[in-house]
Amino acid sequence: MLPPISDFKRYRVLEWLNYVYTELHKGCGPLFNANIPQEMKDQIFIPSLKAKINFVENNLSEHTFLSGNKFSLADGYLFVILNWMPKFNVDLAQWPHVIKYFASLKNRESVRKSLQQEELLN
């Protein structure tokens, strides 16, 4: 899930982990805050989050997973963030590569098992 130190691919995974954390995860923070008016969320925070998802969409148009063609820690992390999108009324339909990616992650045995253990599987 994280290539060895001697493999440059490790640093691509770390780049994506940082992006998911600093841009997507932190971008969702205000959306969980009940003290922020929904109008502000709709006009400021959700458009900002969508722009950041556009970056992911562009990458996934060329790769199966975030850092290439192998599942990594960054993909597991992004799955969690994408799983929050319905709660924020963010429809992933505008990003076909993200939708395909998210569906493929949902079908991974390890992901299904985790969702089941967390009682999040529909």
N, C-alpha and C. Protein backbone atom coordinates (compact mmCIF):
# COMPACT_ATOMS: atom_id res chain seq x y z
N MET A 1 0.82 -1.19 0.00
CA MET A 1 0.00 0.00 0.00
C MET A 1 0.87 1.26 0.00
N LEU A 2 2.11 1.11 0.42
CA LEU A 2 3.07 2.20 0.35
C LEU A 2 4.39 1.60 -0.11
N PRO A 3 4.82 1.95 -1.31
CA PRO A 3 6.07 1.37 -1.84
C PRO A 3 7.25 1.65 -0.91
N PRO A 4 8.30 0.82 -1.03
CA PRO A 4 9.48 1.01 -0.17
C PRO A 4 10.19 2.33 -0.44
N ILE A 5 11.01 2.75 0.49
CA ILE A 5 11.73 4.02 0.39
C ILE A 5 12.56 4.08 -0.89
N SER A 6 13.08 2.98 -1.32
CA SER A 6 13.94 2.96 -2.50
C SER A 6 13.17 3.13 -3.82
N ASP A 7 11.85 3.08 -3.75
CA ASP A 7 11.01 3.17 -4.96
C ASP A 7 10.42 4.58 -5.07
N PHE A 8 10.69 5.25 -6.19
CA PHE A 8 10.18 6.61 -6.38
C PHE A 8 8.66 6.67 -6.31
N LYS A 9 7.98 5.58 -6.63
CA LYS A 9 6.51 5.56 -6.57
C LYS A 9 6.01 5.87 -5.16
N ARG A 10 6.82 5.60 -4.17
CA ARG A 10 6.45 5.92 -2.79
C ARG A 10 6.12 7.41 -2.65
N TYR A 11 6.90 8.22 -3.31
CA TYR A 11 6.73 9.67 -3.18
C TYR A 11 5.50 10.16 -3.93
N ARG A 12 5.08 9.46 -4.95
CA ARG A 12 3.81 9.78 -5.62
C ARG A 12 2.65 9.47 -4.69
N VAL A 13 2.74 8.35 -4.00
CA VAL A 13 1.69 8.00 -3.03
C VAL A 13 1.64 9.05 -1.92
N LEU A 14 2.80 9.44 -1.43
CA LEU A 14 2.85 10.46 -0.37
C LEU A 14 2.30 11.80 -0.86
N GLU A 15 2.58 12.14 -2.12
CA GLU A 15 2.01 13.38 -2.69
C GLU A 15 0.49 13.32 -2.65
N TRP A 16 -0.08 12.18 -3.06
CA TRP A 16 -1.53 12.05 -3.07
C TRP A 16 -2.11 12.01 -1.66
N LEU A 17 -1.41 11.37 -0.74
CA LEU A 17 -1.88 11.40 0.66
C LEU A 17 -1.96 12.84 1.15
N ASN A 18 -0.96 13.61 0.84
CA ASN A 18 -0.95 15.03 1.24
C ASN A 18 -2.08 15.80 0.57
N TYR A 19 -2.31 15.55 -0.71
CA TYR A 19 -3.39 16.25 -1.41
C TYR A 19 -4.75 15.91 -0.80
N VAL A 20 -4.98 14.63 -0.58
CA VAL A 20 -6.27 14.23 -0.01
C VAL A 20 -6.46 14.87 1.36
N TYR A 21 -5.39 14.89 2.15
CA TYR A 21 -5.51 15.48 3.48
C TYR A 21 -5.68 17.00 3.44
N THR A 22 -4.79 17.68 2.75
CA THR A 22 -4.78 19.15 2.83
C THR A 22 -5.85 19.81 1.98
N GLU A 23 -6.24 19.18 0.89
CA GLU A 23 -7.21 19.81 0.01
C GLU A 23 -8.62 19.25 0.18
N LEU A 24 -8.75 17.94 0.19
CA LEU A 24 -10.09 17.35 0.23
C LEU A 24 -10.62 17.17 1.65
N HIS A 25 -9.85 16.51 2.49
CA HIS A 25 -10.32 16.28 3.86
C HIS A 25 -10.54 17.62 4.58
N LYS A 26 -9.55 18.47 4.56
CA LYS A 26 -9.70 19.77 5.22
C LYS A 26 -10.77 20.61 4.53
N GLY A 27 -10.95 20.43 3.24
CA GLY A 27 -12.01 21.15 2.52
C GLY A 27 -13.40 20.73 2.95
N CYS A 28 -13.50 19.51 3.47
CA CYS A 28 -14.80 19.02 3.96
C CYS A 28 -15.10 19.51 5.37
N GLY A 29 -14.08 19.91 6.10
CA GLY A 29 -14.28 20.31 7.49
C GLY A 29 -15.41 21.30 7.71
N PRO A 30 -15.44 22.41 6.96
CA PRO A 30 -16.53 23.37 7.16
C PRO A 30 -17.91 22.79 6.86
N LEU A 31 -17.97 21.77 6.02
CA LEU A 31 -19.26 21.19 5.67
C LEU A 31 -19.86 20.38 6.82
N PHE A 32 -19.03 19.95 7.73
CA PHE A 32 -19.50 19.24 8.92
C PHE A 32 -19.93 20.21 10.03
N ASN A 33 -19.56 21.46 9.91
CA ASN A 33 -19.81 22.44 10.96
C ASN A 33 -21.23 22.98 10.88
N ALA A 34 -22.04 22.64 11.86
CA ALA A 34 -23.44 23.07 11.89
C ALA A 34 -23.58 24.58 12.10
N ASN A 35 -22.53 25.24 12.57
CA ASN A 35 -22.59 26.69 12.81
C ASN A 35 -22.35 27.52 11.55
N ILE A 36 -21.93 26.87 10.49
CA ILE A 36 -21.74 27.59 9.22
C ILE A 36 -23.04 27.50 8.43
N PRO A 37 -23.59 28.63 8.02
CA PRO A 37 -24.86 28.62 7.29
C PRO A 37 -24.76 27.82 5.98
N GLN A 38 -25.83 27.13 5.67
CA GLN A 38 -25.85 26.31 4.45
C GLN A 38 -25.58 27.14 3.21
N GLU A 39 -26.07 28.36 3.18
CA GLU A 39 -25.83 29.25 2.04
C GLU A 39 -24.33 29.46 1.81
N MET A 40 -23.60 29.65 2.89
CA MET A 40 -22.15 29.84 2.78
C MET A 40 -21.48 28.55 2.29
N LYS A 41 -21.96 27.43 2.78
CA LYS A 41 -21.43 26.14 2.33
C LYS A 41 -21.66 25.97 0.83
N ASP A 42 -22.90 26.30 0.40
CA ASP A 42 -23.27 26.12 -1.01
C ASP A 42 -22.53 27.08 -1.94
N GLN A 43 -22.26 28.29 -1.47
CA GLN A 43 -21.65 29.30 -2.33
C GLN A 43 -20.12 29.34 -2.26
N ILE A 44 -19.56 28.87 -1.16
CA ILE A 44 -18.11 29.00 -1.01
C ILE A 44 -17.42 27.64 -0.89
N PHE A 45 -17.81 26.87 0.10
CA PHE A 45 -17.04 25.66 0.41
C PHE A 45 -17.27 24.51 -0.58
N ILE A 46 -18.52 24.29 -0.99
CA ILE A 46 -18.77 23.20 -1.94
C ILE A 46 -18.15 23.50 -3.31
N PRO A 47 -18.27 24.71 -3.86
CA PRO A 47 -17.57 24.98 -5.13
C PRO A 47 -16.06 24.79 -5.03
N SER A 48 -15.49 25.17 -3.90
CA SER A 48 -14.05 24.97 -3.71
C SER A 48 -13.71 23.48 -3.69
N LEU A 49 -14.50 22.70 -3.00
CA LEU A 49 -14.30 21.26 -2.94
C LEU A 49 -14.45 20.63 -4.33
N LYS A 50 -15.42 21.09 -5.09
CA LYS A 50 -15.63 20.56 -6.44
C LYS A 50 -14.42 20.84 -7.34
N ALA A 51 -13.84 22.01 -7.20
CA ALA A 51 -12.64 22.33 -7.99
C ALA A 51 -11.50 21.38 -7.65
N LYS A 52 -11.41 21.00 -6.40
CA LYS A 52 -10.36 20.07 -5.98
C LYS A 52 -10.64 18.65 -6.47
N ILE A 53 -11.90 18.30 -6.56
CA ILE A 53 -12.27 16.99 -7.12
C ILE A 53 -11.97 16.98 -8.63
N ASN A 54 -12.10 18.12 -9.29
CA ASN A 54 -11.74 18.20 -10.71
C ASN A 54 -10.30 17.76 -10.94
N PHE A 55 -9.41 18.13 -10.04
CA PHE A 55 -8.00 17.73 -10.14
C PHE A 55 -7.87 16.21 -10.07
N VAL A 56 -8.62 15.60 -9.17
CA VAL A 56 -8.62 14.14 -9.05
C VAL A 56 -9.17 13.52 -10.33
N GLU A 57 -10.25 14.09 -10.84
CA GLU A 57 -10.86 13.59 -12.08
C GLU A 57 -9.84 13.59 -13.22
N ASN A 58 -9.12 14.68 -13.36
CA ASN A 58 -8.11 14.76 -14.43
C ASN A 58 -7.06 13.68 -14.28
N ASN A 59 -6.61 13.44 -13.07
CA ASN A 59 -5.61 12.40 -12.84
C ASN A 59 -6.18 11.01 -13.15
N LEU A 60 -7.41 10.76 -12.73
CA LEU A 60 -8.01 9.45 -12.95
C LEU A 60 -8.37 9.21 -14.41
N SER A 61 -8.35 10.23 -15.23
CA SER A 61 -8.58 10.03 -16.66
C SER A 61 -7.38 9.33 -17.30
N GLU A 62 -6.25 9.35 -16.60
CA GLU A 62 -5.03 8.73 -17.12
C GLU A 62 -4.56 7.54 -16.31
N HIS A 63 -5.11 7.34 -15.11
CA HIS A 63 -4.65 6.27 -14.22
C HIS A 63 -5.83 5.53 -13.61
N THR A 64 -5.60 4.27 -13.26
CA THR A 64 -6.61 3.47 -12.59
C THR A 64 -6.78 3.92 -11.14
N PHE A 65 -5.65 4.22 -10.50
CA PHE A 65 -5.64 4.66 -9.11
C PHE A 65 -4.90 6.00 -9.04
N LEU A 66 -4.91 6.62 -7.88
CA LEU A 66 -4.33 7.96 -7.77
C LEU A 66 -2.88 8.04 -8.22
N SER A 67 -2.08 7.08 -7.79
CA SER A 67 -0.65 7.16 -8.09
C SER A 67 -0.21 6.18 -9.18
N GLY A 68 -1.14 5.76 -10.00
CA GLY A 68 -0.79 4.86 -11.10
C GLY A 68 -1.80 3.76 -11.27
N ASN A 69 -1.30 2.55 -11.39
CA ASN A 69 -2.19 1.41 -11.64
C ASN A 69 -2.21 0.42 -10.50
N LYS A 70 -1.81 0.88 -9.31
CA LYS A 70 -1.81 0.02 -8.14
C LYS A 70 -2.48 0.74 -6.98
N PHE A 71 -3.39 0.06 -6.29
CA PHE A 71 -4.07 0.59 -5.12
C PHE A 71 -3.04 0.95 -4.05
N SER A 72 -3.25 2.10 -3.40
CA SER A 72 -2.32 2.55 -2.36
C SER A 72 -3.09 3.13 -1.18
N LEU A 73 -2.35 3.53 -0.17
CA LEU A 73 -2.95 4.19 0.99
C LEU A 73 -3.78 5.40 0.59
N ALA A 74 -3.30 6.14 -0.37
CA ALA A 74 -4.01 7.35 -0.81
C ALA A 74 -5.39 7.01 -1.35
N ASP A 75 -5.51 5.88 -2.03
CA ASP A 75 -6.82 5.48 -2.57
C ASP A 75 -7.79 5.13 -1.45
N GLY A 76 -7.30 4.45 -0.42
CA GLY A 76 -8.15 4.14 0.72
C GLY A 76 -8.64 5.41 1.41
N TYR A 77 -7.75 6.37 1.54
CA TYR A 77 -8.10 7.64 2.17
C TYR A 77 -9.12 8.41 1.32
N LEU A 78 -8.88 8.46 0.02
CA LEU A 78 -9.82 9.17 -0.85
C LEU A 78 -11.19 8.51 -0.84
N PHE A 79 -11.23 7.18 -0.73
CA PHE A 79 -12.52 6.50 -0.66
C PHE A 79 -13.36 7.04 0.49
N VAL A 80 -12.74 7.25 1.64
CA VAL A 80 -13.47 7.77 2.80
C VAL A 80 -14.06 9.14 2.48
N ILE A 81 -13.26 9.99 1.87
CA ILE A 81 -13.72 11.34 1.54
C ILE A 81 -14.86 11.29 0.53
N LEU A 82 -14.71 10.48 -0.50
CA LEU A 82 -15.76 10.37 -1.52
C LEU A 82 -17.05 9.79 -0.91
N ASN A 83 -16.91 8.96 0.08
CA ASN A 83 -18.07 8.36 0.73
C ASN A 83 -18.87 9.41 1.50
N TRP A 84 -18.25 10.52 1.85
CA TRP A 84 -18.94 11.62 2.53
C TRP A 84 -19.77 12.48 1.59
N MET A 85 -19.49 12.45 0.31
CA MET A 85 -20.10 13.40 -0.63
C MET A 85 -21.63 13.40 -0.61
N PRO A 86 -22.31 12.26 -0.53
CA PRO A 86 -23.78 12.33 -0.46
C PRO A 86 -24.29 13.12 0.75
N LYS A 87 -23.58 13.04 1.86
CA LYS A 87 -23.97 13.80 3.06
C LYS A 87 -23.97 15.30 2.78
N PHE A 88 -23.09 15.73 1.88
CA PHE A 88 -22.97 17.15 1.56
C PHE A 88 -23.76 17.53 0.30
N ASN A 89 -24.53 16.59 -0.23
CA ASN A 89 -25.30 16.78 -1.47
C ASN A 89 -24.40 17.13 -2.65
N VAL A 90 -23.22 16.52 -2.68
CA VAL A 90 -22.31 16.66 -3.82
C VAL A 90 -22.47 15.42 -4.67
N ASP A 91 -23.04 15.60 -5.84
CA ASP A 91 -23.29 14.50 -6.77
C ASP A 91 -22.02 14.25 -7.59
N LEU A 92 -21.50 13.06 -7.50
CA LEU A 92 -20.27 12.72 -8.22
C LEU A 92 -20.49 12.51 -9.72
N ALA A 93 -21.73 12.58 -10.18
CA ALA A 93 -22.04 12.30 -11.58
C ALA A 93 -21.28 13.18 -12.57
N GLN A 94 -20.87 14.35 -12.14
CA GLN A 94 -20.16 15.25 -13.07
C GLN A 94 -18.72 14.83 -13.30
N TRP A 95 -18.26 13.81 -12.57
CA TRP A 95 -16.89 13.32 -12.71
C TRP A 95 -16.92 11.83 -13.06
N PRO A 96 -17.02 11.49 -14.34
CA PRO A 96 -17.17 10.07 -14.72
C PRO A 96 -16.01 9.18 -14.30
N HIS A 97 -14.79 9.70 -14.31
CA HIS A 97 -13.66 8.88 -13.90
C HIS A 97 -13.67 8.66 -12.39
N VAL A 98 -14.09 9.66 -11.65
CA VAL A 98 -14.21 9.52 -10.20
C VAL A 98 -15.29 8.49 -9.87
N ILE A 99 -16.40 8.54 -10.59
CA ILE A 99 -17.49 7.58 -10.35
C ILE A 99 -17.02 6.15 -10.62
N LYS A 100 -16.34 5.95 -11.73
CA LYS A 100 -15.83 4.61 -12.07
C LYS A 100 -14.84 4.14 -11.00
N TYR A 101 -13.96 5.01 -10.60
CA TYR A 101 -12.95 4.73 -9.58
C TYR A 101 -13.63 4.37 -8.26
N PHE A 102 -14.58 5.20 -7.83
CA PHE A 102 -15.27 4.98 -6.57
C PHE A 102 -16.01 3.65 -6.58
N ALA A 103 -16.66 3.34 -7.70
CA ALA A 103 -17.38 2.06 -7.82
C ALA A 103 -16.41 0.89 -7.74
N SER A 104 -15.25 1.03 -8.38
CA SER A 104 -14.28 -0.07 -8.34
C SER A 104 -13.74 -0.26 -6.91
N LEU A 105 -13.56 0.83 -6.19
CA LEU A 105 -13.10 0.72 -4.80
C LEU A 105 -14.17 0.07 -3.93
N LYS A 106 -15.43 0.42 -4.15
CA LYS A 106 -16.52 -0.18 -3.39
C LYS A 106 -16.58 -1.68 -3.59
N ASN A 107 -16.14 -2.15 -4.75
CA ASN A 107 -16.18 -3.58 -5.06
C ASN A 107 -14.97 -4.35 -4.55
N ARG A 108 -13.99 -3.66 -4.01
CA ARG A 108 -12.82 -4.35 -3.45
C ARG A 108 -13.25 -5.09 -2.18
N GLU A 109 -12.81 -6.31 -2.04
CA GLU A 109 -13.19 -7.12 -0.89
C GLU A 109 -12.82 -6.44 0.43
N SER A 110 -11.63 -5.86 0.49
CA SER A 110 -11.18 -5.22 1.73
C SER A 110 -12.07 -4.02 2.08
N VAL A 111 -12.49 -3.28 1.08
CA VAL A 111 -13.35 -2.12 1.32
C VAL A 111 -14.74 -2.58 1.79
N ARG A 112 -15.28 -3.58 1.11
CA ARG A 112 -16.60 -4.11 1.51
C ARG A 112 -16.55 -4.62 2.95
N LYS A 113 -15.47 -5.32 3.30
CA LYS A 113 -15.33 -5.84 4.65
C LYS A 113 -15.26 -4.70 5.67
N SER A 114 -14.52 -3.66 5.36
CA SER A 114 -14.42 -2.51 6.26
C SER A 114 -15.76 -1.81 6.43
N LEU A 115 -16.46 -1.61 5.32
CA LEU A 115 -17.77 -0.97 5.38
C LEU A 115 -18.75 -1.81 6.20
N GLN A 116 -18.67 -3.11 6.03
CA GLN A 116 -19.55 -3.99 6.79
C GLN A 116 -19.23 -3.92 8.28
N GLN A 117 -17.96 -3.93 8.63
CA GLN A 117 -17.56 -3.84 10.04
C GLN A 117 -17.99 -2.52 10.67
N GLU A 118 -17.98 -1.46 9.89
CA GLU A 118 -18.38 -0.15 10.38
C GLU A 118 -19.89 0.08 10.25
N GLU A 119 -20.60 -0.94 9.77
CA GLU A 119 -22.04 -0.88 9.55
C GLU A 119 -22.43 0.25 8.59
N LEU A 120 -21.62 0.42 7.56
CA LEU A 120 -21.87 1.44 6.54
C LEU A 120 -22.27 0.84 5.21
N LEU A 121 -22.34 -0.47 5.14
CA LEU A 121 -22.68 -1.13 3.88
C LEU A 121 -24.19 -1.16 3.72
N ASN A 122 -24.63 -0.68 2.55
CA ASN A 122 -26.08 -0.66 2.27
C ASN A 122 -26.52 -1.99 1.74
